[in-house]
Amino acid sequence: MKNKFVKSIFLFFFSLFLISSCKKNKAVLDVSVFQNITPTEQWAVVVDSYVSFYADSSKKASVQANGRRGDVLEIQGEKWVRVLNGKEKWYFFEKGWLEQSSIAIYSNALQAQKASQILLGD
């Protein structure tokens, strides 16, 4: 009887030791990579060699900033603008407005970053 009790106590503490040592080596999933994948955001990559960000959605507006091929930008807004030949789509970014023909649109930051690397030959 005493021998069974000692064995039980030994197995209990040995099990605790195994469980506690397994927790220390437990793999942790890094979810930070998923921060760049969101269904509600859109991203753009500048495809022209050089672009000007305008204060408004018109080439007659003042230039706010400049960008270069491969720049990855988060789209903050968009609108259609009437022109002589119909309509143009413009996108708003932190630096200002760009017309659609100067950029390529992607559904998440990871796709845009990969496209930028390919565009730049990295």
PDB file of N, CA and C in Angstrom:
ATOM      1  N   MET A   1       0.824  -1.189   0.000  1.00  0.00           N
ATOM      2  CA  MET A   1       0.000   0.000   0.000  1.00  0.00           C
ATOM      3  C   MET A   1       0.866   1.249   0.000  1.00  0.00           C
ATOM      4  N   LYS A   2       1.875   1.265   0.845  1.00  0.00           N
ATOM      5  CA  LYS A   2       2.782   2.393   0.931  1.00  0.00           C
ATOM      6  C   LYS A   2       3.556   2.567  -0.374  1.00  0.00           C
ATOM      7  N   ASN A   3       3.899   1.455  -0.989  1.00  0.00           N
ATOM      8  CA  ASN A   3       4.641   1.475  -2.248  1.00  0.00           C
ATOM      9  C   ASN A   3       3.790   2.095  -3.368  1.00  0.00           C
ATOM     10  N   LYS A   4       2.498   1.786  -3.444  1.00  0.00           N
ATOM     11  CA  LYS A   4       1.612   2.364  -4.451  1.00  0.00           C
ATOM     12  C   LYS A   4       1.467   3.865  -4.242  1.00  0.00           C
ATOM     13  N   PHE A   5       1.395   4.268  -2.980  1.00  0.00           N
ATOM     14  CA  PHE A   5       1.258   5.690  -2.665  1.00  0.00           C
ATOM     15  C   PHE A   5       2.502   6.469  -3.109  1.00  0.00           C
ATOM     16  N   VAL A   6       3.679   5.925  -2.871  1.00  0.00           N
ATOM     17  CA  VAL A   6       4.935   6.564  -3.265  1.00  0.00           C
ATOM     18  C   VAL A   6       5.027   6.649  -4.787  1.00  0.00           C
ATOM     19  N   LYS A   7       4.628   5.568  -5.468  1.00  0.00           N
ATOM     20  CA  LYS A   7       4.637   5.578  -6.924  1.00  0.00           C
ATOM     21  C   LYS A   7       3.665   6.633  -7.471  1.00  0.00           C
ATOM     22  N   SER A   8       2.511   6.727  -6.844  1.00  0.00           N
ATOM     23  CA  SER A   8       1.515   7.714  -7.284  1.00  0.00           C
ATOM     24  C   SER A   8       2.036   9.132  -7.105  1.00  0.00           C
ATOM     25  N   ILE A   9       2.647   9.391  -5.976  1.00  0.00           N
ATOM     26  CA  ILE A   9       3.217  10.717  -5.714  1.00  0.00           C
ATOM     27  C   ILE A   9       4.333  11.007  -6.714  1.00  0.00           C
ATOM     28  N   PHE A  10       5.182  10.035  -6.974  1.00  0.00           N
ATOM     29  CA  PHE A  10       6.274  10.200  -7.919  1.00  0.00           C
ATOM     30  C   PHE A  10       5.729  10.496  -9.327  1.00  0.00           C
ATOM     31  N   LEU A  11       4.733   9.733  -9.775  1.00  0.00           N
ATOM     32  CA  LEU A  11       4.135   9.961 -11.092  1.00  0.00           C
ATOM     33  C   LEU A  11       3.474  11.334 -11.176  1.00  0.00           C
ATOM     34  N   PHE A  12       2.840  11.754 -10.097  1.00  0.00           N
ATOM     35  CA  PHE A  12       2.200  13.064 -10.074  1.00  0.00           C
ATOM     36  C   PHE A  12       3.245  14.177 -10.277  1.00  0.00           C
ATOM     37  N   PHE A  13       4.312  14.138  -9.497  1.00  0.00           N
ATOM     38  CA  PHE A  13       5.336  15.179  -9.615  1.00  0.00           C
ATOM     39  C   PHE A  13       6.101  15.094 -10.944  1.00  0.00           C
ATOM     40  N   PHE A  14       6.312  13.893 -11.420  1.00  0.00           N
ATOM     41  CA  PHE A  14       6.965  13.730 -12.721  1.00  0.00           C
ATOM     42  C   PHE A  14       6.091  14.308 -13.839  1.00  0.00           C
ATOM     43  N   SER A  15       4.794  14.077 -13.752  1.00  0.00           N
ATOM     44  CA  SER A  15       3.859  14.647 -14.740  1.00  0.00           C
ATOM     45  C   SER A  15       3.868  16.164 -14.690  1.00  0.00           C
ATOM     46  N   LEU A  16       3.876  16.721 -13.480  1.00  0.00           N
ATOM     47  CA  LEU A  16       3.956  18.171 -13.335  1.00  0.00           C
ATOM     48  C   LEU A  16       5.232  18.720 -13.958  1.00  0.00           C
ATOM     49  N   PHE A  17       6.324  18.013 -13.745  1.00  0.00           N
ATOM     50  CA  PHE A  17       7.597  18.423 -14.320  1.00  0.00           C
ATOM     51  C   PHE A  17       7.535  18.422 -15.847  1.00  0.00           C
ATOM     52  N   LEU A  18       6.983  17.378 -16.441  1.00  0.00           N
ATOM     53  CA  LEU A  18       6.874  17.292 -17.897  1.00  0.00           C
ATOM     54  C   LEU A  18       5.976  18.393 -18.452  1.00  0.00           C
ATOM     55  N   ILE A  19       4.864  18.629 -17.795  1.00  0.00           N
ATOM     56  CA  ILE A  19       3.932  19.659 -18.260  1.00  0.00           C
ATOM     57  C   ILE A  19       4.574  21.034 -18.181  1.00  0.00           C
ATOM     58  N   SER A  20       5.241  21.326 -17.087  1.00  0.00           N
ATOM     59  CA  SER A  20       5.859  22.648 -16.942  1.00  0.00           C
ATOM     60  C   SER A  20       7.011  22.842 -17.907  1.00  0.00           C
ATOM     61  N   SER A  21       7.764  21.798 -18.189  1.00  0.00           N
ATOM     62  CA  SER A  21       8.872  21.943 -19.133  1.00  0.00           C
ATOM     63  C   SER A  21       8.368  22.063 -20.565  1.00  0.00           C
ATOM     64  N   CYS A  22       7.236  21.470 -20.889  1.00  0.00           N
ATOM     65  CA  CYS A  22       6.663  21.585 -22.239  1.00  0.00           C
ATOM     66  C   CYS A  22       6.161  23.002 -22.495  1.00  0.00           C
ATOM     67  N   LYS A  23       5.631  23.658 -21.495  1.00  0.00           N
ATOM     68  CA  LYS A  23       5.125  25.013 -21.667  1.00  0.00           C
ATOM     69  C   LYS A  23       6.242  25.995 -21.987  1.00  0.00           C
ATOM     70  N   LYS A  24       7.425  25.771 -21.477  1.00  0.00           N
ATOM     71  CA  LYS A  24       8.548  26.663 -21.732  1.00  0.00           C
ATOM     72  C   LYS A  24       8.979  26.612 -23.190  1.00  0.00           C
ATOM     73  N   ASN A  25       8.856  25.473 -23.821  1.00  0.00           N
ATOM     74  CA  ASN A  25       9.301  25.297 -25.194  1.00  0.00           C
ATOM     75  C   ASN A  25       8.165  25.434 -26.208  1.00  0.00           C
ATOM     76  N   LYS A  26       7.043  25.888 -25.753  1.00  0.00           N
ATOM     77  CA  LYS A  26       5.864  25.989 -26.616  1.00  0.00           C
ATOM     78  C   LYS A  26       6.082  27.051 -27.691  1.00  0.00           C
ATOM     79  N   ALA A  27       5.771  26.706 -28.929  1.00  0.00           N
ATOM     80  CA  ALA A  27       5.923  27.639 -30.042  1.00  0.00           C
ATOM     81  C   ALA A  27       4.841  28.712 -29.952  1.00  0.00           C
ATOM     82  N   VAL A  28       5.209  29.934 -30.296  1.00  0.00           N
ATOM     83  CA  VAL A  28       4.278  31.051 -30.265  1.00  0.00           C
ATOM     84  C   VAL A  28       4.022  31.506 -31.690  1.00  0.00           C
ATOM     85  N   LEU A  29       2.766  31.660 -32.034  1.00  0.00           N
ATOM     86  CA  LEU A  29       2.385  32.107 -33.364  1.00  0.00           C
ATOM     87  C   LEU A  29       2.539  33.618 -33.453  1.00  0.00           C
ATOM     88  N   ASP A  30       3.316  34.082 -34.405  1.00  0.00           N
ATOM     89  CA  ASP A  30       3.510  35.513 -34.623  1.00  0.00           C
ATOM     90  C   ASP A  30       2.413  36.009 -35.549  1.00  0.00           C
ATOM     91  N   VAL A  31       1.439  36.734 -34.982  1.00  0.00           N
ATOM     92  CA  VAL A  31       0.300  37.220 -35.760  1.00  0.00           C
ATOM     93  C   VAL A  31       0.537  38.607 -36.337  1.00  0.00           C
ATOM     94  N   SER A  32       1.687  39.197 -36.106  1.00  0.00           N
ATOM     95  CA  SER A  32       1.947  40.545 -36.611  1.00  0.00           C
ATOM     96  C   SER A  32       1.930  40.597 -38.139  1.00  0.00           C
ATOM     97  N   VAL A  33       2.218  39.475 -38.795  1.00  0.00           N
ATOM     98  CA  VAL A  33       2.194  39.449 -40.253  1.00  0.00           C
ATOM     99  C   VAL A  33       0.778  39.690 -40.783  1.00  0.00           C
ATOM    100  N   PHE A  34      -0.241  39.356 -39.995  1.00  0.00           N
ATOM    101  CA  PHE A  34      -1.627  39.533 -40.429  1.00  0.00           C
ATOM    102  C   PHE A  34      -2.113  40.971 -40.279  1.00  0.00           C
ATOM    103  N   GLN A  35      -1.326  41.838 -39.648  1.00  0.00           N
ATOM    104  CA  GLN A  35      -1.714  43.237 -39.517  1.00  0.00           C
ATOM    105  C   GLN A  35      -1.761  43.925 -40.869  1.00  0.00           C
ATOM    106  N   ASN A  36      -1.009  43.423 -41.826  1.00  0.00           N
ATOM    107  CA  ASN A  36      -0.970  44.024 -43.160  1.00  0.00           C
ATOM    108  C   ASN A  36      -2.036  43.472 -44.095  1.00  0.00           C
ATOM    109  N   ILE A  37      -2.887  42.607 -43.584  1.00  0.00           N
ATOM    110  CA  ILE A  37      -3.953  42.037 -44.399  1.00  0.00           C
ATOM    111  C   ILE A  37      -5.286  42.419 -43.770  1.00  0.00           C
ATOM    112  N   THR A  38      -5.919  43.415 -44.332  1.00  0.00           N
ATOM    113  CA  THR A  38      -7.233  43.821 -43.857  1.00  0.00           C
ATOM    114  C   THR A  38      -8.152  44.000 -45.054  1.00  0.00           C
ATOM    115  N   PRO A  39      -9.380  43.474 -44.974  1.00  0.00           N
ATOM    116  CA  PRO A  39     -10.259  43.519 -46.137  1.00  0.00           C
ATOM    117  C   PRO A  39     -10.811  44.902 -46.460  1.00  0.00           C
ATOM    118  N   THR A  40     -10.780  45.834 -45.516  1.00  0.00           N
ATOM    119  CA  THR A  40     -11.390  47.143 -45.752  1.00  0.00           C
ATOM    120  C   THR A  40     -10.417  48.169 -46.323  1.00  0.00           C
ATOM    121  N   GLU A  41      -9.146  47.901 -46.298  1.00  0.00           N
ATOM    122  CA  GLU A  41      -8.155  48.861 -46.786  1.00  0.00           C
ATOM    123  C   GLU A  41      -7.722  48.503 -48.203  1.00  0.00           C
ATOM    124  N   GLN A  42      -7.312  49.533 -48.936  1.00  0.00           N
ATOM    125  CA  GLN A  42      -6.711  49.324 -50.247  1.00  0.00           C
ATOM    126  C   GLN A  42      -5.360  50.029 -50.249  1.00  0.00           C
ATOM    127  N   TRP A  43      -4.458  49.481 -51.020  1.00  0.00           N
ATOM    128  CA  TRP A  43      -3.107  50.010 -51.117  1.00  0.00           C
ATOM    129  C   TRP A  43      -2.763  50.246 -52.577  1.00  0.00           C
ATOM    130  N   ALA A  44      -1.832  51.148 -52.811  1.00  0.00           N
ATOM    131  CA  ALA A  44      -1.422  51.477 -54.174  1.00  0.00           C
ATOM    132  C   ALA A  44       0.097  51.485 -54.264  1.00  0.00           C
ATOM    133  N   VAL A  45       0.575  51.199 -55.468  1.00  0.00           N
ATOM    134  CA  VAL A  45       2.004  51.286 -55.777  1.00  0.00           C
ATOM    135  C   VAL A  45       2.133  52.253 -56.948  1.00  0.00           C
ATOM    136  N   VAL A  46       3.022  53.215 -56.806  1.00  0.00           N
ATOM    137  CA  VAL A  46       3.267  54.172 -57.886  1.00  0.00           C
ATOM    138  C   VAL A  46       3.979  53.439 -59.017  1.00  0.00           C
ATOM    139  N   VAL A  47       3.420  53.538 -60.239  1.00  0.00           N
ATOM    140  CA  VAL A  47       4.010  52.838 -61.385  1.00  0.00           C
ATOM    141  C   VAL A  47       4.756  53.784 -62.321  1.00  0.00           C
ATOM    142  N   ASP A  48       4.482  55.077 -62.234  1.00  0.00           N
ATOM    143  CA  ASP A  48       5.214  56.055 -63.050  1.00  0.00           C
ATOM    144  C   ASP A  48       6.557  56.366 -62.392  1.00  0.00           C
ATOM    145  N   SER A  49       7.513  56.796 -63.202  1.00  0.00           N
ATOM    146  CA  SER A  49       8.841  57.129 -62.675  1.00  0.00           C
ATOM    147  C   SER A  49       8.778  58.231 -61.624  1.00  0.00           C
ATOM    148  N   TYR A  50       7.902  59.186 -61.861  1.00  0.00           N
ATOM    149  CA  TYR A  50       7.820  60.352 -60.989  1.00  0.00           C
ATOM    150  C   TYR A  50       6.371  60.833 -61.001  1.00  0.00           C
ATOM    151  N   VAL A  51       5.797  61.133 -59.829  1.00  0.00           N
ATOM    152  CA  VAL A  51       4.418  61.627 -59.756  1.00  0.00           C
ATOM    153  C   VAL A  51       4.351  62.849 -58.844  1.00  0.00           C
ATOM    154  N   SER A  52       3.334  63.669 -59.086  1.00  0.00           N
ATOM    155  CA  SER A  52       3.054  64.820 -58.234  1.00  0.00           C
ATOM    156  C   SER A  52       1.735  64.582 -57.515  1.00  0.00           C
ATOM    157  N   PHE A  53       1.735  64.789 -56.207  1.00  0.00           N
ATOM    158  CA  PHE A  53       0.514  64.711 -55.416  1.00  0.00           C
ATOM    159  C   PHE A  53      -0.117  66.104 -55.420  1.00  0.00           C
ATOM    160  N   TYR A  54      -1.388  66.167 -55.820  1.00  0.00           N
ATOM    161  CA  TYR A  54      -2.076  67.444 -55.942  1.00  0.00           C
ATOM    162  C   TYR A  54      -2.941  67.724 -54.717  1.00  0.00           C
ATOM    163  N   ALA A  55      -3.192  69.016 -54.466  1.00  0.00           N
ATOM    164  CA  ALA A  55      -4.027  69.435 -53.340  1.00  0.00           C
ATOM    165  C   ALA A  55      -5.487  69.056 -53.560  1.00  0.00           C
ATOM    166  N   ASP A  56      -5.884  68.906 -54.815  1.00  0.00           N
ATOM    167  CA  ASP A  56      -7.243  68.503 -55.159  1.00  0.00           C
ATOM    168  C   ASP A  56      -7.159  67.517 -56.324  1.00  0.00           C
ATOM    169  N   SER A  57      -8.273  66.936 -56.690  1.00  0.00           N
ATOM    170  CA  SER A  57      -8.298  65.923 -57.751  1.00  0.00           C
ATOM    171  C   SER A  57      -8.322  66.575 -59.133  1.00  0.00           C
ATOM    172  N   SER A  58      -7.285  67.361 -59.411  1.00  0.00           N
ATOM    173  CA  SER A  58      -7.154  68.041 -60.702  1.00  0.00           C
ATOM    174  C   SER A  58      -5.686  68.394 -60.927  1.00  0.00           C
ATOM    175  N   LYS A  59      -5.256  68.298 -62.166  1.00  0.00           N
ATOM    176  CA  LYS A  59      -3.876  68.681 -62.479  1.00  0.00           C
ATOM    177  C   LYS A  59      -3.690  70.194 -62.445  1.00  0.00           C
ATOM    178  N   LYS A  60      -4.787  70.933 -62.330  1.00  0.00           N
ATOM    179  CA  LYS A  60      -4.705  72.378 -62.194  1.00  0.00           C
ATOM    180  C   LYS A  60      -4.469  72.797 -60.742  1.00  0.00           C
ATOM    181  N   ALA A  61      -4.651  71.874 -59.802  1.00  0.00           N
ATOM    182  CA  ALA A  61      -4.448  72.164 -58.378  1.00  0.00           C
ATOM    183  C   ALA A  61      -2.952  72.267 -58.074  1.00  0.00           C
ATOM    184  N   SER A  62      -2.629  72.857 -56.928  1.00  0.00           N
ATOM    185  CA  SER A  62      -1.219  73.000 -56.555  1.00  0.00           C
ATOM    186  C   SER A  62      -0.617  71.660 -56.157  1.00  0.00           C
ATOM    187  N   VAL A  63       0.684  71.520 -56.417  1.00  0.00           N
ATOM    188  CA  VAL A  63       1.406  70.298 -56.080  1.00  0.00           C
ATOM    189  C   VAL A  63       1.756  70.324 -54.596  1.00  0.00           C
ATOM    190  N   GLN A  64       1.376  69.251 -53.882  1.00  0.00           N
ATOM    191  CA  GLN A  64       1.621  69.138 -52.444  1.00  0.00           C
ATOM    192  C   GLN A  64       2.938  68.429 -52.135  1.00  0.00           C
ATOM    193  N   ALA A  65       3.238  67.389 -52.908  1.00  0.00           N
ATOM    194  CA  ALA A  65       4.424  66.557 -52.664  1.00  0.00           C
ATOM    195  C   ALA A  65       4.717  65.769 -53.934  1.00  0.00           C
ATOM    196  N   ASN A  66       5.786  65.005 -53.891  1.00  0.00           N
ATOM    197  CA  ASN A  66       6.183  64.186 -55.042  1.00  0.00           C
ATOM    198  C   ASN A  66       6.393  62.750 -54.603  1.00  0.00           C
ATOM    199  N   GLY A  67       6.294  61.841 -55.568  1.00  0.00           N
ATOM    200  CA  GLY A  67       6.518  60.428 -55.300  1.00  0.00           C
ATOM    201  C   GLY A  67       7.288  59.799 -56.442  1.00  0.00           C
ATOM    202  N   ARG A  68       7.741  58.566 -56.195  1.00  0.00           N
ATOM    203  CA  ARG A  68       8.540  57.853 -57.201  1.00  0.00           C
ATOM    204  C   ARG A  68       8.008  56.455 -57.417  1.00  0.00           C
ATOM    205  N   ARG A  69       8.445  55.858 -58.515  1.00  0.00           N
ATOM    206  CA  ARG A  69       8.075  54.479 -58.835  1.00  0.00           C
ATOM    207  C   ARG A  69       8.404  53.568 -57.645  1.00  0.00           C
ATOM    208  N   GLY A  70       7.441  52.705 -57.317  1.00  0.00           N
ATOM    209  CA  GLY A  70       7.644  51.737 -56.240  1.00  0.00           C
ATOM    210  C   GLY A  70       7.155  52.195 -54.879  1.00  0.00           C
ATOM    211  N   ASP A  71       6.784  53.468 -54.733  1.00  0.00           N
ATOM    212  CA  ASP A  71       6.254  53.932 -53.445  1.00  0.00           C
ATOM    213  C   ASP A  71       4.969  53.170 -53.128  1.00  0.00           C
ATOM    214  N   VAL A  72       4.855  52.671 -51.894  1.00  0.00           N
ATOM    215  CA  VAL A  72       3.670  51.960 -51.433  1.00  0.00           C
ATOM    216  C   VAL A  72       2.866  52.916 -50.567  1.00  0.00           C
ATOM    217  N   LEU A  73       1.582  53.089 -50.914  1.00  0.00           N
ATOM    218  CA  LEU A  73       0.740  54.091 -50.261  1.00  0.00           C
ATOM    219  C   LEU A  73      -0.601  53.497 -49.861  1.00  0.00           C
ATOM    220  N   GLU A  74      -1.095  53.908 -48.709  1.00  0.00           N
ATOM    221  CA  GLU A  74      -2.432  53.490 -48.285  1.00  0.00           C
ATOM    222  C   GLU A  74      -3.464  54.461 -48.859  1.00  0.00           C
ATOM    223  N   ILE A  75      -4.473  53.919 -49.510  1.00  0.00           N
ATOM    224  CA  ILE A  75      -5.523  54.750 -50.099  1.00  0.00           C
ATOM    225  C   ILE A  75      -6.472  55.205 -48.989  1.00  0.00           C
ATOM    226  N   GLN A  76      -6.708  56.517 -48.939  1.00  0.00           N
ATOM    227  CA  GLN A  76      -7.584  57.071 -47.912  1.00  0.00           C
ATOM    228  C   GLN A  76      -8.916  57.545 -48.480  1.00  0.00           C
ATOM    229  N   GLY A  77      -9.016  57.680 -49.785  1.00  0.00           N
ATOM    230  CA  GLY A  77     -10.257  58.107 -50.406  1.00  0.00           C
ATOM    231  C   GLY A  77     -10.154  58.021 -51.915  1.00  0.00           C
ATOM    232  N   GLU A  78     -11.285  58.182 -52.576  1.00  0.00           N
ATOM    233  CA  GLU A  78     -11.321  58.136 -54.036  1.00  0.00           C
ATOM    234  C   GLU A  78     -12.526  58.916 -54.531  1.00  0.00           C
ATOM    235  N   LYS A  79     -12.427  59.380 -55.773  1.00  0.00           N
ATOM    236  CA  LYS A  79     -13.592  60.013 -56.400  1.00  0.00           C
ATOM    237  C   LYS A  79     -13.414  60.064 -57.904  1.00  0.00           C
ATOM    238  N   TRP A  80     -14.566  60.104 -58.566  1.00  0.00           N
ATOM    239  CA  TRP A  80     -14.597  60.246 -60.016  1.00  0.00           C
ATOM    240  C   TRP A  80     -14.680  61.723 -60.354  1.00  0.00           C
ATOM    241  N   VAL A  81     -13.931  62.128 -61.396  1.00  0.00           N
ATOM    242  CA  VAL A  81     -13.901  63.527 -61.819  1.00  0.00           C
ATOM    243  C   VAL A  81     -14.271  63.588 -63.295  1.00  0.00           C
ATOM    244  N   ARG A  82     -15.137  64.520 -63.635  1.00  0.00           N
ATOM    245  CA  ARG A  82     -15.518  64.709 -65.045  1.00  0.00           C
ATOM    246  C   ARG A  82     -14.391  65.416 -65.792  1.00  0.00           C
ATOM    247  N   VAL A  83     -14.082  64.887 -66.972  1.00  0.00           N
ATOM    248  CA  VAL A  83     -13.101  65.507 -67.871  1.00  0.00           C
ATOM    249  C   VAL A  83     -13.735  65.571 -69.257  1.00  0.00           C
ATOM    250  N   LEU A  84     -13.039  66.165 -70.199  1.00  0.00           N
ATOM    251  CA  LEU A  84     -13.586  66.318 -71.549  1.00  0.00           C
ATOM    252  C   LEU A  84     -13.991  64.988 -72.176  1.00  0.00           C
ATOM    253  N   ASN A  85     -13.193  63.962 -71.982  1.00  0.00           N
ATOM    254  CA  ASN A  85     -13.430  62.659 -72.620  1.00  0.00           C
ATOM    255  C   ASN A  85     -14.295  61.722 -71.778  1.00  0.00           C
ATOM    256  N   GLY A  86     -14.832  62.167 -70.682  1.00  0.00           N
ATOM    257  CA  GLY A  86     -15.633  61.288 -69.826  1.00  0.00           C
ATOM    258  C   GLY A  86     -15.326  61.505 -68.350  1.00  0.00           C
ATOM    259  N   LYS A  87     -14.798  60.454 -67.705  1.00  0.00           N
ATOM    260  CA  LYS A  87     -14.488  60.524 -66.274  1.00  0.00           C
ATOM    261  C   LYS A  87     -13.104  59.950 -66.007  1.00  0.00           C
ATOM    262  N   GLU A  88     -12.466  60.473 -64.964  1.00  0.00           N
ATOM    263  CA  GLU A  88     -11.194  59.954 -64.454  1.00  0.00           C
ATOM    264  C   GLU A  88     -11.390  59.625 -62.986  1.00  0.00           C
ATOM    265  N   LYS A  89     -10.725  58.586 -62.545  1.00  0.00           N
ATOM    266  CA  LYS A  89     -10.772  58.247 -61.124  1.00  0.00           C
ATOM    267  C   LYS A  89      -9.492  58.750 -60.455  1.00  0.00           C
ATOM    268  N   TRP A  90      -9.658  59.442 -59.332  1.00  0.00           N
ATOM    269  CA  TRP A  90      -8.548  59.953 -58.547  1.00  0.00           C
ATOM    270  C   TRP A  90      -8.582  59.319 -57.169  1.00  0.00           C
ATOM    271  N   TYR A  91      -7.395  59.124 -56.594  1.00  0.00           N
ATOM    272  CA  TYR A  91      -7.269  58.528 -55.263  1.00  0.00           C
ATOM    273  C   TYR A  91      -6.573  59.516 -54.329  1.00  0.00           C
ATOM    274  N   PHE A  92      -7.048  59.529 -53.091  1.00  0.00           N
ATOM    275  CA  PHE A  92      -6.473  60.416 -52.085  1.00  0.00           C
ATOM    276  C   PHE A  92      -5.553  59.635 -51.162  1.00  0.00           C
ATOM    277  N   PHE A  93      -4.377  60.201 -50.902  1.00  0.00           N
ATOM    278  CA  PHE A  93      -3.373  59.616 -50.016  1.00  0.00           C
ATOM    279  C   PHE A  93      -2.976  60.665 -48.978  1.00  0.00           C
ATOM    280  N   GLU A  94      -2.148  60.271 -48.056  1.00  0.00           N
ATOM    281  CA  GLU A  94      -1.680  61.192 -47.017  1.00  0.00           C
ATOM    282  C   GLU A  94      -1.024  62.435 -47.619  1.00  0.00           C
ATOM    283  N   LYS A  95      -0.325  62.264 -48.739  1.00  0.00           N
ATOM    284  CA  LYS A  95       0.398  63.376 -49.378  1.00  0.00           C
ATOM    285  C   LYS A  95      -0.463  64.204 -50.328  1.00  0.00           C
ATOM    286  N   GLY A  96      -1.628  63.674 -50.747  1.00  0.00           N
ATOM    287  CA  GLY A  96      -2.481  64.388 -51.687  1.00  0.00           C
ATOM    288  C   GLY A  96      -3.146  63.450 -52.676  1.00  0.00           C
ATOM    289  N   TRP A  97      -3.616  64.006 -53.786  1.00  0.00           N
ATOM    290  CA  TRP A  97      -4.367  63.265 -54.807  1.00  0.00           C
ATOM    291  C   TRP A  97      -3.484  62.809 -55.965  1.00  0.00           C
ATOM    292  N   LEU A  98      -3.751  61.583 -56.457  1.00  0.00           N
ATOM    293  CA  LEU A  98      -3.107  61.038 -57.658  1.00  0.00           C
ATOM    294  C   LEU A  98      -4.177  60.465 -58.572  1.00  0.00           C
ATOM    295  N   GLU A  99      -3.958  60.573 -59.878  1.00  0.00           N
ATOM    296  CA  GLU A  99      -4.895  59.968 -60.814  1.00  0.00           C
ATOM    297  C   GLU A  99      -4.623  58.468 -60.942  1.00  0.00           C
ATOM    298  N   GLN A 100      -5.632  57.736 -61.308  1.00  0.00           N
ATOM    299  CA  GLN A 100      -5.563  56.279 -61.358  1.00  0.00           C
ATOM    300  C   GLN A 100      -4.483  55.752 -62.289  1.00  0.00           C
ATOM    301  N   SER A 101      -4.199  56.453 -63.367  1.00  0.00           N
ATOM    302  CA  SER A 101      -3.228  55.956 -64.348  1.00  0.00           C
ATOM    303  C   SER A 101      -1.798  55.930 -63.809  1.00  0.00           C
ATOM    304  N   SER A 102      -1.540  56.584 -62.690  1.00  0.00           N
ATOM    305  CA  SER A 102      -0.189  56.643 -62.116  1.00  0.00           C
ATOM    306  C   SER A 102       0.091  55.540 -61.103  1.00  0.00           C
ATOM    307  N   ILE A 103      -0.940  54.750 -60.774  1.00  0.00           N
ATOM    308  CA  ILE A 103      -0.805  53.770 -59.691  1.00  0.00           C
ATOM    309  C   ILE A 103      -1.414  52.425 -60.080  1.00  0.00           C
ATOM    310  N   ALA A 104      -1.034  51.407 -59.323  1.00  0.00           N
ATOM    311  CA  ALA A 104      -1.669  50.089 -59.393  1.00  0.00           C
ATOM    312  C   ALA A 104      -2.281  49.833 -58.017  1.00  0.00           C
ATOM    313  N   ILE A 105      -3.496  49.296 -57.986  1.00  0.00           N
ATOM    314  CA  ILE A 105      -4.248  49.108 -56.747  1.00  0.00           C
ATOM    315  C   ILE A 105      -4.128  47.664 -56.272  1.00  0.00           C
ATOM    316  N   TYR A 106      -3.973  47.487 -54.947  1.00  0.00           N
ATOM    317  CA  TYR A 106      -3.885  46.163 -54.329  1.00  0.00           C
ATOM    318  C   TYR A 106      -4.791  46.115 -53.101  1.00  0.00           C
ATOM    319  N   SER A 107      -5.244  44.903 -52.768  1.00  0.00           N
ATOM    320  CA  SER A 107      -6.204  44.755 -51.680  1.00  0.00           C
ATOM    321  C   SER A 107      -5.571  44.723 -50.296  1.00  0.00           C
ATOM    322  N   ASN A 108      -4.252  44.578 -50.212  1.00  0.00           N
ATOM    323  CA  ASN A 108      -3.601  44.641 -48.896  1.00  0.00           C
ATOM    324  C   ASN A 108      -2.143  45.084 -49.037  1.00  0.00           C
ATOM    325  N   ALA A 109      -1.567  45.445 -47.919  1.00  0.00           N
ATOM    326  CA  ALA A 109      -0.202  45.991 -47.908  1.00  0.00           C
ATOM    327  C   ALA A 109       0.833  44.965 -48.364  1.00  0.00           C
ATOM    328  N   LEU A 110       0.637  43.697 -48.020  1.00  0.00           N
ATOM    329  CA  LEU A 110       1.611  42.675 -48.418  1.00  0.00           C
ATOM    330  C   LEU A 110       1.688  42.534 -49.935  1.00  0.00           C
ATOM    331  N   GLN A 111       0.537  42.539 -50.597  1.00  0.00           N
ATOM    332  CA  GLN A 111       0.531  42.456 -52.057  1.00  0.00           C
ATOM    333  C   GLN A 111       1.210  43.678 -52.666  1.00  0.00           C
ATOM    334  N   ALA A 112       0.918  44.851 -52.118  1.00  0.00           N
ATOM    335  CA  ALA A 112       1.516  46.086 -52.637  1.00  0.00           C
ATOM    336  C   ALA A 112       3.032  46.092 -52.446  1.00  0.00           C
ATOM    337  N   GLN A 113       3.495  45.636 -51.291  1.00  0.00           N
ATOM    338  CA  GLN A 113       4.933  45.601 -51.031  1.00  0.00           C
ATOM    339  C   GLN A 113       5.632  44.637 -51.974  1.00  0.00           C
ATOM    340  N   LYS A 114       5.020  43.487 -52.220  1.00  0.00           N
ATOM    341  CA  LYS A 114       5.604  42.499 -53.142  1.00  0.00           C
ATOM    342  C   LYS A 114       5.639  43.061 -54.565  1.00  0.00           C
ATOM    343  N   ALA A 115       4.562  43.721 -54.972  1.00  0.00           N
ATOM    344  CA  ALA A 115       4.521  44.330 -56.313  1.00  0.00           C
ATOM    345  C   ALA A 115       5.577  45.413 -56.459  1.00  0.00           C
ATOM    346  N   SER A 116       5.792  46.178 -55.407  1.00  0.00           N
ATOM    347  CA  SER A 116       6.814  47.222 -55.425  1.00  0.00           C
ATOM    348  C   SER A 116       8.207  46.604 -55.602  1.00  0.00           C
ATOM    349  N   GLN A 117       8.479  45.531 -54.893  1.00  0.00           N
ATOM    350  CA  GLN A 117       9.776  44.850 -55.020  1.00  0.00           C
ATOM    351  C   GLN A 117       9.997  44.345 -56.432  1.00  0.00           C
ATOM    352  N   ILE A 118       8.966  43.775 -57.029  1.00  0.00           N
ATOM    353  CA  ILE A 118       9.069  43.280 -58.406  1.00  0.00           C
ATOM    354  C   ILE A 118       9.287  44.438 -59.373  1.00  0.00           C
ATOM    355  N   LEU A 119       8.542  45.519 -59.168  1.00  0.00           N
ATOM    356  CA  LEU A 119       8.649  46.699 -60.031  1.00  0.00           C
ATOM    357  C   LEU A 119      10.049  47.312 -59.979  1.00  0.00           C
ATOM    358  N   LEU A 120      10.642  47.304 -58.797  1.00  0.00           N
ATOM    359  CA  LEU A 120      11.971  47.891 -58.615  1.00  0.00           C
ATOM    360  C   LEU A 120      13.101  46.897 -58.899  1.00  0.00           C
ATOM    361  N   GLY A 121      12.738  45.634 -59.136  1.00  0.00           N
ATOM    362  CA  GLY A 121      13.751  44.617 -59.435  1.00  0.00           C
ATOM    363  C   GLY A 121      14.520  44.155 -58.222  1.00  0.00           C
ATOM    364  N   ASP A 122      13.908  44.265 -57.046  1.00  0.00           N
ATOM    365  CA  ASP A 122      14.566  43.806 -55.794  1.00  0.00           C
ATOM    366  C   ASP A 122      14.443  42.308 -55.612  1.00  0.00           C
TER     367      ASP A 122
END
